[in-house]
Amino acid sequence: MGDRDRRTFPRTPLKVIHRHRMGDRTFRRVSELVFVRGLPRAMLEWVNLGGVRSPLYIAELDPAKLRRSTHARSTYYYDGITVDPRYEDAGLSSTA
């Protein structure tokens, strides 16, 4: 399979439904879920570099707060709140 075909496939079939905070706002969102060395990570945003998807923003998840959906095998629920690093690292307000 060529690189061109590879771009059409999702990086991971796993999804996580979680509460996500951006500045002062918290909302529900769906992100791609990956496990790195056995630890869960939510992929918040990807960047396309020359046709290859690479993770841009990642949220570490507490494994104790992650549970698998009883209805969809590839879906998980996260009982904690993830934080958008773009607002935390720069100290920006939600109005910036």
PDB file of N, CA and C in Angstrom:
ATOM      1  N   MET A   1       0.845  -1.179   0.000  1.00  0.00           N
ATOM      2  CA  MET A   1       0.000   0.000   0.000  1.00  0.00           C
ATOM      3  C   MET A   1       0.887   1.238   0.000  1.00  0.00           C
ATOM      4  N   GLY A   2       0.627   2.165  -0.902  1.00  0.00           N
ATOM      5  CA  GLY A   2       1.431   3.375  -1.004  1.00  0.00           C
ATOM      6  C   GLY A   2       1.084   4.377   0.078  1.00  0.00           C
ATOM      7  N   ASP A   3       1.957   5.375   0.233  1.00  0.00           N
ATOM      8  CA  ASP A   3       1.716   6.421   1.230  1.00  0.00           C
ATOM      9  C   ASP A   3       0.422   7.168   0.963  1.00  0.00           C
ATOM     10  N   ARG A   4       0.074   7.337  -0.296  1.00  0.00           N
ATOM     11  CA  ARG A   4      -1.149   8.055  -0.639  1.00  0.00           C
ATOM     12  C   ARG A   4      -2.374   7.331  -0.070  1.00  0.00           C
ATOM     13  N   ASP A   5      -2.403   5.996  -0.162  1.00  0.00           N
ATOM     14  CA  ASP A   5      -3.525   5.222   0.355  1.00  0.00           C
ATOM     15  C   ASP A   5      -3.569   5.241   1.873  1.00  0.00           C
ATOM     16  N   ARG A   6      -2.424   5.293   2.510  1.00  0.00           N
ATOM     17  CA  ARG A   6      -2.341   5.250   3.959  1.00  0.00           C
ATOM     18  C   ARG A   6      -3.009   6.455   4.624  1.00  0.00           C
ATOM     19  N   ARG A   7      -3.051   7.584   3.948  1.00  0.00           N
ATOM     20  CA  ARG A   7      -3.620   8.795   4.539  1.00  0.00           C
ATOM     21  C   ARG A   7      -5.115   8.676   4.785  1.00  0.00           C
ATOM     22  N   THR A   8      -5.800   7.813   4.039  1.00  0.00           N
ATOM     23  CA  THR A   8      -7.251   7.725   4.161  1.00  0.00           C
ATOM     24  C   THR A   8      -7.683   6.912   5.368  1.00  0.00           C
ATOM     25  N   PHE A   9      -6.790   6.157   5.964  1.00  0.00           N
ATOM     26  CA  PHE A   9      -7.135   5.347   7.122  1.00  0.00           C
ATOM     27  C   PHE A   9      -6.921   6.137   8.406  1.00  0.00           C
ATOM     28  N   PRO A  10      -7.823   5.990   9.383  1.00  0.00           N
ATOM     29  CA  PRO A  10      -7.579   6.655  10.667  1.00  0.00           C
ATOM     30  C   PRO A  10      -6.363   6.042  11.346  1.00  0.00           C
ATOM     31  N   ARG A  11      -5.692   6.826  12.155  1.00  0.00           N
ATOM     32  CA  ARG A  11      -4.515   6.352  12.869  1.00  0.00           C
ATOM     33  C   ARG A  11      -4.904   5.218  13.819  1.00  0.00           C
ATOM     34  N   THR A  12      -6.032   5.358  14.452  1.00  0.00           N
ATOM     35  CA  THR A  12      -6.499   4.354  15.398  1.00  0.00           C
ATOM     36  C   THR A  12      -8.010   4.251  15.315  1.00  0.00           C
ATOM     37  N   PRO A  13      -8.546   3.039  15.434  1.00  0.00           N
ATOM     38  CA  PRO A  13     -10.007   2.906  15.422  1.00  0.00           C
ATOM     39  C   PRO A  13     -10.636   3.228  16.775  1.00  0.00           C
ATOM     40  N   LEU A  14      -9.817   3.407  17.809  1.00  0.00           N
ATOM     41  CA  LEU A  14     -10.342   3.659  19.149  1.00  0.00           C
ATOM     42  C   LEU A  14     -10.715   5.126  19.327  1.00  0.00           C
ATOM     43  N   LYS A  15     -11.839   5.355  20.003  1.00  0.00           N
ATOM     44  CA  LYS A  15     -12.312   6.706  20.306  1.00  0.00           C
ATOM     45  C   LYS A  15     -12.516   6.830  21.806  1.00  0.00           C
ATOM     46  N   VAL A  16     -12.352   8.051  22.314  1.00  0.00           N
ATOM     47  CA  VAL A  16     -12.626   8.321  23.719  1.00  0.00           C
ATOM     48  C   VAL A  16     -13.551   9.534  23.796  1.00  0.00           C
ATOM     49  N   ILE A  17     -14.605   9.412  24.590  1.00  0.00           N
ATOM     50  CA  ILE A  17     -15.531  10.513  24.843  1.00  0.00           C
ATOM     51  C   ILE A  17     -15.146  11.091  26.193  1.00  0.00           C
ATOM     52  N   HIS A  18     -14.875  12.389  26.214  1.00  0.00           N
ATOM     53  CA  HIS A  18     -14.361  12.995  27.440  1.00  0.00           C
ATOM     54  C   HIS A  18     -14.808  14.438  27.558  1.00  0.00           C
ATOM     55  N   ARG A  19     -14.737  14.956  28.786  1.00  0.00           N
ATOM     56  CA  ARG A  19     -14.957  16.388  29.010  1.00  0.00           C
ATOM     57  C   ARG A  19     -13.621  17.075  28.803  1.00  0.00           C
ATOM     58  N   HIS A  20     -13.661  18.179  28.074  1.00  0.00           N
ATOM     59  CA  HIS A  20     -12.431  18.853  27.669  1.00  0.00           C
ATOM     60  C   HIS A  20     -12.529  20.328  28.032  1.00  0.00           C
ATOM     61  N   ARG A  21     -11.477  20.841  28.651  1.00  0.00           N
ATOM     62  CA  ARG A  21     -11.472  22.249  29.062  1.00  0.00           C
ATOM     63  C   ARG A  21     -10.531  23.044  28.174  1.00  0.00           C
ATOM     64  N   MET A  22     -11.069  24.159  27.641  1.00  0.00           N
ATOM     65  CA  MET A  22     -10.283  25.132  26.875  1.00  0.00           C
ATOM     66  C   MET A  22     -10.483  26.473  27.556  1.00  0.00           C
ATOM     67  N   GLY A  23      -9.487  26.930  28.288  1.00  0.00           N
ATOM     68  CA  GLY A  23      -9.644  28.178  29.036  1.00  0.00           C
ATOM     69  C   GLY A  23     -10.701  28.012  30.114  1.00  0.00           C
ATOM     70  N   ASP A  24     -11.754  28.829  30.071  1.00  0.00           N
ATOM     71  CA  ASP A  24     -12.839  28.756  31.052  1.00  0.00           C
ATOM     72  C   ASP A  24     -13.981  27.853  30.609  1.00  0.00           C
ATOM     73  N   ARG A  25     -13.923  27.335  29.414  1.00  0.00           N
ATOM     74  CA  ARG A  25     -15.018  26.528  28.870  1.00  0.00           C
ATOM     75  C   ARG A  25     -14.717  25.043  28.983  1.00  0.00           C
ATOM     76  N   THR A  26     -15.737  24.275  29.374  1.00  0.00           N
ATOM     77  CA  THR A  26     -15.635  22.817  29.413  1.00  0.00           C
ATOM     78  C   THR A  26     -16.768  22.257  28.567  1.00  0.00           C
ATOM     79  N   PHE A  27     -16.451  21.305  27.712  1.00  0.00           N
ATOM     80  CA  PHE A  27     -17.462  20.719  26.836  1.00  0.00           C
ATOM     81  C   PHE A  27     -17.110  19.260  26.572  1.00  0.00           C
ATOM     82  N   ARG A  28     -18.061  18.529  26.032  1.00  0.00           N
ATOM     83  CA  ARG A  28     -17.860  17.124  25.717  1.00  0.00           C
ATOM     84  C   ARG A  28     -17.308  17.010  24.299  1.00  0.00           C
ATOM     85  N   ARG A  29     -16.315  16.153  24.134  1.00  0.00           N
ATOM     86  CA  ARG A  29     -15.755  15.950  22.799  1.00  0.00           C
ATOM     87  C   ARG A  29     -15.340  14.502  22.603  1.00  0.00           C
ATOM     88  N   VAL A  30     -15.135  14.140  21.361  1.00  0.00           N
ATOM     89  CA  VAL A  30     -14.671  12.806  20.991  1.00  0.00           C
ATOM     90  C   VAL A  30     -13.286  12.958  20.376  1.00  0.00           C
ATOM     91  N   SER A  31     -12.343  12.166  20.855  1.00  0.00           N
ATOM     92  CA  SER A  31     -10.975  12.202  20.342  1.00  0.00           C
ATOM     93  C   SER A  31     -10.531  10.788  20.004  1.00  0.00           C
ATOM     94  N   GLU A  32      -9.486  10.687  19.208  1.00  0.00           N
ATOM     95  CA  GLU A  32      -8.889   9.383  18.952  1.00  0.00           C
ATOM     96  C   GLU A  32      -8.105   8.971  20.189  1.00  0.00           C
ATOM     97  N   LEU A  33      -8.138   7.680  20.498  1.00  0.00           N
ATOM     98  CA  LEU A  33      -7.472   7.136  21.679  1.00  0.00           C
ATOM     99  C   LEU A  33      -6.340   6.221  21.240  1.00  0.00           C
ATOM    100  N   VAL A  34      -5.176   6.417  21.841  1.00  0.00           N
ATOM    101  CA  VAL A  34      -4.039   5.528  21.607  1.00  0.00           C
ATOM    102  C   VAL A  34      -3.446   5.136  22.958  1.00  0.00           C
ATOM    103  N   PHE A  35      -2.737   4.027  22.954  1.00  0.00           N
ATOM    104  CA  PHE A  35      -2.027   3.583  24.146  1.00  0.00           C
ATOM    105  C   PHE A  35      -0.537   3.620  23.831  1.00  0.00           C
ATOM    106  N   VAL A  36       0.214   4.362  24.632  1.00  0.00           N
ATOM    107  CA  VAL A  36       1.659   4.484  24.468  1.00  0.00           C
ATOM    108  C   VAL A  36       2.311   3.823  25.673  1.00  0.00           C
ATOM    109  N   ARG A  37       3.037   2.752  25.414  1.00  0.00           N
ATOM    110  CA  ARG A  37       3.643   1.950  26.493  1.00  0.00           C
ATOM    111  C   ARG A  37       2.596   1.547  27.528  1.00  0.00           C
ATOM    112  N   GLY A  38       1.393   1.236  27.039  1.00  0.00           N
ATOM    113  CA  GLY A  38       0.310   0.777  27.896  1.00  0.00           C
ATOM    114  C   GLY A  38      -0.491   1.880  28.569  1.00  0.00           C
ATOM    115  N   LEU A  39      -0.107   3.139  28.384  1.00  0.00           N
ATOM    116  CA  LEU A  39      -0.810   4.259  29.015  1.00  0.00           C
ATOM    117  C   LEU A  39      -1.687   4.981  27.994  1.00  0.00           C
ATOM    118  N   PRO A  40      -2.937   5.334  28.387  1.00  0.00           N
ATOM    119  CA  PRO A  40      -3.864   5.957  27.439  1.00  0.00           C
ATOM    120  C   PRO A  40      -3.549   7.425  27.180  1.00  0.00           C
ATOM    121  N   ARG A  41      -3.737   7.825  25.908  1.00  0.00           N
ATOM    122  CA  ARG A  41      -3.543   9.209  25.481  1.00  0.00           C
ATOM    123  C   ARG A  41      -4.683   9.580  24.539  1.00  0.00           C
ATOM    124  N   ALA A  42      -5.212  10.787  24.697  1.00  0.00           N
ATOM    125  CA  ALA A  42      -6.219  11.305  23.774  1.00  0.00           C
ATOM    126  C   ALA A  42      -5.506  12.194  22.763  1.00  0.00           C
ATOM    127  N   MET A  43      -5.727  11.930  21.495  1.00  0.00           N
ATOM    128  CA  MET A  43      -5.142  12.742  20.430  1.00  0.00           C
ATOM    129  C   MET A  43      -6.091  13.909  20.175  1.00  0.00           C
ATOM    130  N   LEU A  44      -5.694  15.101  20.598  1.00  0.00           N
ATOM    131  CA  LEU A  44      -6.563  16.271  20.503  1.00  0.00           C
ATOM    132  C   LEU A  44      -6.535  16.910  19.122  1.00  0.00           C
ATOM    133  N   GLU A  45      -5.387  16.896  18.480  1.00  0.00           N
ATOM    134  CA  GLU A  45      -5.284  17.490  17.148  1.00  0.00           C
ATOM    135  C   GLU A  45      -4.115  16.866  16.400  1.00  0.00           C
ATOM    136  N   TRP A  46      -4.294  16.729  15.092  1.00  0.00           N
ATOM    137  CA  TRP A  46      -3.274  16.169  14.219  1.00  0.00           C
ATOM    138  C   TRP A  46      -2.799  17.243  13.259  1.00  0.00           C
ATOM    139  N   VAL A  47      -1.593  17.073  12.737  1.00  0.00           N
ATOM    140  CA  VAL A  47      -1.068  17.941  11.690  1.00  0.00           C
ATOM    141  C   VAL A  47      -0.680  17.037  10.516  1.00  0.00           C
ATOM    142  N   ASN A  48      -0.903  17.522   9.309  1.00  0.00           N
ATOM    143  CA  ASN A  48      -0.561  16.770   8.116  1.00  0.00           C
ATOM    144  C   ASN A  48       0.769  17.299   7.588  1.00  0.00           C
ATOM    145  N   LEU A  49       1.808  16.494   7.727  1.00  0.00           N
ATOM    146  CA  LEU A  49       3.146  16.886   7.266  1.00  0.00           C
ATOM    147  C   LEU A  49       3.513  16.057   6.043  1.00  0.00           C
ATOM    148  N   GLY A  50       3.391  16.639   4.881  1.00  0.00           N
ATOM    149  CA  GLY A  50       3.740  15.923   3.660  1.00  0.00           C
ATOM    150  C   GLY A  50       2.892  14.696   3.425  1.00  0.00           C
ATOM    151  N   GLY A  51       1.637  14.745   3.821  1.00  0.00           N
ATOM    152  CA  GLY A  51       0.733  13.621   3.621  1.00  0.00           C
ATOM    153  C   GLY A  51       0.749  12.597   4.735  1.00  0.00           C
ATOM    154  N   VAL A  52       1.508  12.830   5.784  1.00  0.00           N
ATOM    155  CA  VAL A  52       1.568  11.908   6.921  1.00  0.00           C
ATOM    156  C   VAL A  52       0.979  12.597   8.141  1.00  0.00           C
ATOM    157  N   ARG A  53      -0.031  11.962   8.745  1.00  0.00           N
ATOM    158  CA  ARG A  53      -0.641  12.527   9.947  1.00  0.00           C
ATOM    159  C   ARG A  53       0.270  12.311  11.148  1.00  0.00           C
ATOM    160  N   SER A  54       0.505  13.383  11.893  1.00  0.00           N
ATOM    161  CA  SER A  54       1.325  13.312  13.103  1.00  0.00           C
ATOM    162  C   SER A  54       0.576  14.004  14.226  1.00  0.00           C
ATOM    163  N   PRO A  55       0.648  13.466  15.452  1.00  0.00           N
ATOM    164  CA  PRO A  55      -0.058  14.118  16.563  1.00  0.00           C
ATOM    165  C   PRO A  55       0.546  15.477  16.879  1.00  0.00           C
ATOM    166  N   LEU A  56      -0.319  16.463  17.088  1.00  0.00           N
ATOM    167  CA  LEU A  56       0.128  17.813  17.404  1.00  0.00           C
ATOM    168  C   LEU A  56      -0.104  18.122  18.880  1.00  0.00           C
ATOM    169  N   TYR A  57      -1.312  17.805  19.379  1.00  0.00           N
ATOM    170  CA  TYR A  57      -1.639  18.016  20.792  1.00  0.00           C
ATOM    171  C   TYR A  57      -2.177  16.718  21.372  1.00  0.00           C
ATOM    172  N   ILE A  58      -1.643  16.353  22.538  1.00  0.00           N
ATOM    173  CA  ILE A  58      -1.970  15.086  23.188  1.00  0.00           C
ATOM    174  C   ILE A  58      -2.335  15.357  24.638  1.00  0.00           C
ATOM    175  N   ALA A  59      -3.346  14.640  25.140  1.00  0.00           N
ATOM    176  CA  ALA A  59      -3.712  14.729  26.556  1.00  0.00           C
ATOM    177  C   ALA A  59      -3.457  13.373  27.206  1.00  0.00           C
ATOM    178  N   GLU A  60      -2.698  13.371  28.290  1.00  0.00           N
ATOM    179  CA  GLU A  60      -2.477  12.138  29.043  1.00  0.00           C
ATOM    180  C   GLU A  60      -3.739  11.841  29.843  1.00  0.00           C
ATOM    181  N   LEU A  61      -4.132  10.567  29.876  1.00  0.00           N
ATOM    182  CA  LEU A  61      -5.339  10.156  30.586  1.00  0.00           C
ATOM    183  C   LEU A  61      -4.977   9.278  31.775  1.00  0.00           C
ATOM    184  N   ASP A  62      -5.708   9.430  32.860  1.00  0.00           N
ATOM    185  CA  ASP A  62      -5.538   8.589  34.043  1.00  0.00           C
ATOM    186  C   ASP A  62      -6.220   7.250  33.756  1.00  0.00           C
ATOM    187  N   PRO A  63      -5.481   6.145  33.725  1.00  0.00           N
ATOM    188  CA  PRO A  63      -6.081   4.847  33.404  1.00  0.00           C
ATOM    189  C   PRO A  63      -7.223   4.461  34.343  1.00  0.00           C
ATOM    190  N   ALA A  64      -7.188   4.921  35.590  1.00  0.00           N
ATOM    191  CA  ALA A  64      -8.242   4.589  36.548  1.00  0.00           C
ATOM    192  C   ALA A  64      -9.571   5.246  36.188  1.00  0.00           C
ATOM    193  N   LYS A  65      -9.536   6.318  35.391  1.00  0.00           N
ATOM    194  CA  LYS A  65     -10.759   7.038  35.012  1.00  0.00           C
ATOM    195  C   LYS A  65     -11.259   6.667  33.618  1.00  0.00           C
ATOM    196  N   LEU A  66     -10.601   5.710  32.982  1.00  0.00           N
ATOM    197  CA  LEU A  66     -10.966   5.294  31.629  1.00  0.00           C
ATOM    198  C   LEU A  66     -11.751   3.992  31.698  1.00  0.00           C
ATOM    199  N   ARG A  67     -12.900   3.958  31.011  1.00  0.00           N
ATOM    200  CA  ARG A  67     -13.708   2.731  30.996  1.00  0.00           C
ATOM    201  C   ARG A  67     -14.230   2.480  29.590  1.00  0.00           C
ATOM    202  N   ARG A  68     -14.320   1.222  29.264  1.00  0.00           N
ATOM    203  CA  ARG A  68     -14.781   0.830  27.928  1.00  0.00           C
ATOM    204  C   ARG A  68     -16.301   0.895  27.859  1.00  0.00           C
ATOM    205  N   SER A  69     -16.831   1.332  26.734  1.00  0.00           N
ATOM    206  CA  SER A  69     -18.273   1.384  26.515  1.00  0.00           C
ATOM    207  C   SER A  69     -18.834  -0.030  26.467  1.00  0.00           C
ATOM    208  N   THR A  70     -20.027  -0.201  27.006  1.00  0.00           N
ATOM    209  CA  THR A  70     -20.672  -1.516  26.946  1.00  0.00           C
ATOM    210  C   THR A  70     -21.383  -1.725  25.614  1.00  0.00           C
ATOM    211  N   HIS A  71     -21.574  -0.643  24.846  1.00  0.00           N
ATOM    212  CA  HIS A  71     -22.323  -0.729  23.588  1.00  0.00           C
ATOM    213  C   HIS A  71     -21.432  -0.726  22.350  1.00  0.00           C
ATOM    214  N   ALA A  72     -20.312  -0.046  22.419  1.00  0.00           N
ATOM    215  CA  ALA A  72     -19.416   0.046  21.261  1.00  0.00           C
ATOM    216  C   ALA A  72     -18.016  -0.376  21.691  1.00  0.00           C
ATOM    217  N   ARG A  73     -17.521  -1.443  21.111  1.00  0.00           N
ATOM    218  CA  ARG A  73     -16.236  -2.007  21.544  1.00  0.00           C
ATOM    219  C   ARG A  73     -15.053  -1.077  21.339  1.00  0.00           C
ATOM    220  N   SER A  74     -15.124  -0.208  20.348  1.00  0.00           N
ATOM    221  CA  SER A  74     -13.981   0.660  20.056  1.00  0.00           C
ATOM    222  C   SER A  74     -14.097   2.031  20.717  1.00  0.00           C
ATOM    223  N   THR A  75     -15.070   2.187  21.620  1.00  0.00           N
ATOM    224  CA  THR A  75     -15.294   3.478  22.280  1.00  0.00           C
ATOM    225  C   THR A  75     -15.053   3.359  23.777  1.00  0.00           C
ATOM    226  N   TYR A  76     -14.393   4.368  24.326  1.00  0.00           N
ATOM    227  CA  TYR A  76     -14.136   4.452  25.758  1.00  0.00           C
ATOM    228  C   TYR A  76     -14.726   5.751  26.284  1.00  0.00           C
ATOM    229  N   TYR A  77     -14.986   5.775  27.588  1.00  0.00           N
ATOM    230  CA  TYR A  77     -15.410   6.993  28.279  1.00  0.00           C
ATOM    231  C   TYR A  77     -14.337   7.354  29.290  1.00  0.00           C
ATOM    232  N   TYR A  78     -14.055   8.632  29.386  1.00  0.00           N
ATOM    233  CA  TYR A  78     -13.077   9.113  30.357  1.00  0.00           C
ATOM    234  C   TYR A  78     -13.809   9.963  31.380  1.00  0.00           C
ATOM    235  N   ASP A  79     -13.696   9.597  32.662  1.00  0.00           N
ATOM    236  CA  ASP A  79     -14.428  10.270  33.732  1.00  0.00           C
ATOM    237  C   ASP A  79     -13.713  11.499  34.283  1.00  0.00           C
ATOM    238  N   GLY A  80     -12.551  11.807  33.781  1.00  0.00           N
ATOM    239  CA  GLY A  80     -11.835  13.011  34.190  1.00  0.00           C
ATOM    240  C   GLY A  80     -12.041  14.121  33.172  1.00  0.00           C
ATOM    241  N   ILE A  81     -11.343  15.221  33.371  1.00  0.00           N
ATOM    242  CA  ILE A  81     -11.395  16.356  32.447  1.00  0.00           C
ATOM    243  C   ILE A  81     -10.016  16.523  31.819  1.00  0.00           C
ATOM    244  N   THR A  82      -9.984  16.562  30.500  1.00  0.00           N
ATOM    245  CA  THR A  82      -8.730  16.838  29.804  1.00  0.00           C
ATOM    246  C   THR A  82      -8.592  18.349  29.637  1.00  0.00           C
ATOM    247  N   VAL A  83      -7.366  18.801  29.506  1.00  0.00           N
ATOM    248  CA  VAL A  83      -7.088  20.238  29.406  1.00  0.00           C
ATOM    249  C   VAL A  83      -6.368  20.510  28.094  1.00  0.00           C
ATOM    250  N   ASP A  84      -6.818  21.529  27.392  1.00  0.00           N
ATOM    251  CA  ASP A  84      -6.188  21.900  26.129  1.00  0.00           C
ATOM    252  C   ASP A  84      -4.864  22.597  26.421  1.00  0.00           C
ATOM    253  N   PRO A  85      -3.739  22.017  26.014  1.00  0.00           N
ATOM    254  CA  PRO A  85      -2.435  22.600  26.344  1.00  0.00           C
ATOM    255  C   PRO A  85      -2.187  23.949  25.672  1.00  0.00           C
ATOM    256  N   ARG A  86      -2.917  24.263  24.623  1.00  0.00           N
ATOM    257  CA  ARG A  86      -2.727  25.553  23.947  1.00  0.00           C
ATOM    258  C   ARG A  86      -3.115  26.715  24.848  1.00  0.00           C
ATOM    259  N   TYR A  87      -4.055  26.496  25.760  1.00  0.00           N
ATOM    260  CA  TYR A  87      -4.476  27.552  26.675  1.00  0.00           C
ATOM    261  C   TYR A  87      -3.659  27.537  27.958  1.00  0.00           C
ATOM    262  N   GLU A  88      -3.247  26.365  28.393  1.00  0.00           N
ATOM    263  CA  GLU A  88      -2.510  26.242  29.649  1.00  0.00           C
ATOM    264  C   GLU A  88      -1.069  26.707  29.508  1.00  0.00           C
ATOM    265  N   ASP A  89      -0.387  26.258  28.457  1.00  0.00           N
ATOM    266  CA  ASP A  89       1.031  26.568  28.291  1.00  0.00           C
ATOM    267  C   ASP A  89       1.285  28.053  28.066  1.00  0.00           C
ATOM    268  N   ALA A  90       0.416  28.686  27.302  1.00  0.00           N
ATOM    269  CA  ALA A  90       0.630  30.088  26.955  1.00  0.00           C
ATOM    270  C   ALA A  90      -0.014  31.043  27.954  1.00  0.00           C
ATOM    271  N   GLY A  91      -0.861  30.515  28.836  1.00  0.00           N
ATOM    272  CA  GLY A  91      -1.542  31.373  29.798  1.00  0.00           C
ATOM    273  C   GLY A  91      -2.550  32.296  29.144  1.00  0.00           C
ATOM    274  N   LEU A  92      -3.120  31.873  28.010  1.00  0.00           N
ATOM    275  CA  LEU A  92      -4.088  32.696  27.299  1.00  0.00           C
ATOM    276  C   LEU A  92      -5.468  32.600  27.932  1.00  0.00           C
ATOM    277  N   SER A  93      -6.211  33.673  27.861  1.00  0.00           N
ATOM    278  CA  SER A  93      -7.599  33.644  28.306  1.00  0.00           C
ATOM    279  C   SER A  93      -8.463  33.167  27.154  1.00  0.00           C
ATOM    280  N   SER A  94      -9.712  32.833  27.441  1.00  0.00           N
ATOM    281  CA  SER A  94     -10.603  32.352  26.394  1.00  0.00           C
ATOM    282  C   SER A  94     -10.987  33.458  25.426  1.00  0.00           C
ATOM    283  N   THR A  95     -10.700  34.713  25.750  1.00  0.00           N
ATOM    284  CA  THR A  95     -11.031  35.828  24.860  1.00  0.00           C
ATOM    285  C   THR A  95      -9.841  36.265  24.022  1.00  0.00           C
ATOM    286  N   ALA A  96      -8.693  35.645  24.223  1.00  0.00           N
ATOM    287  CA  ALA A  96      -7.479  36.048  23.475  1.00  0.00           C
ATOM    288  C   ALA A  96      -7.552  35.616  22.037  1.00  0.00           C
TER     289      ALA A  96
END
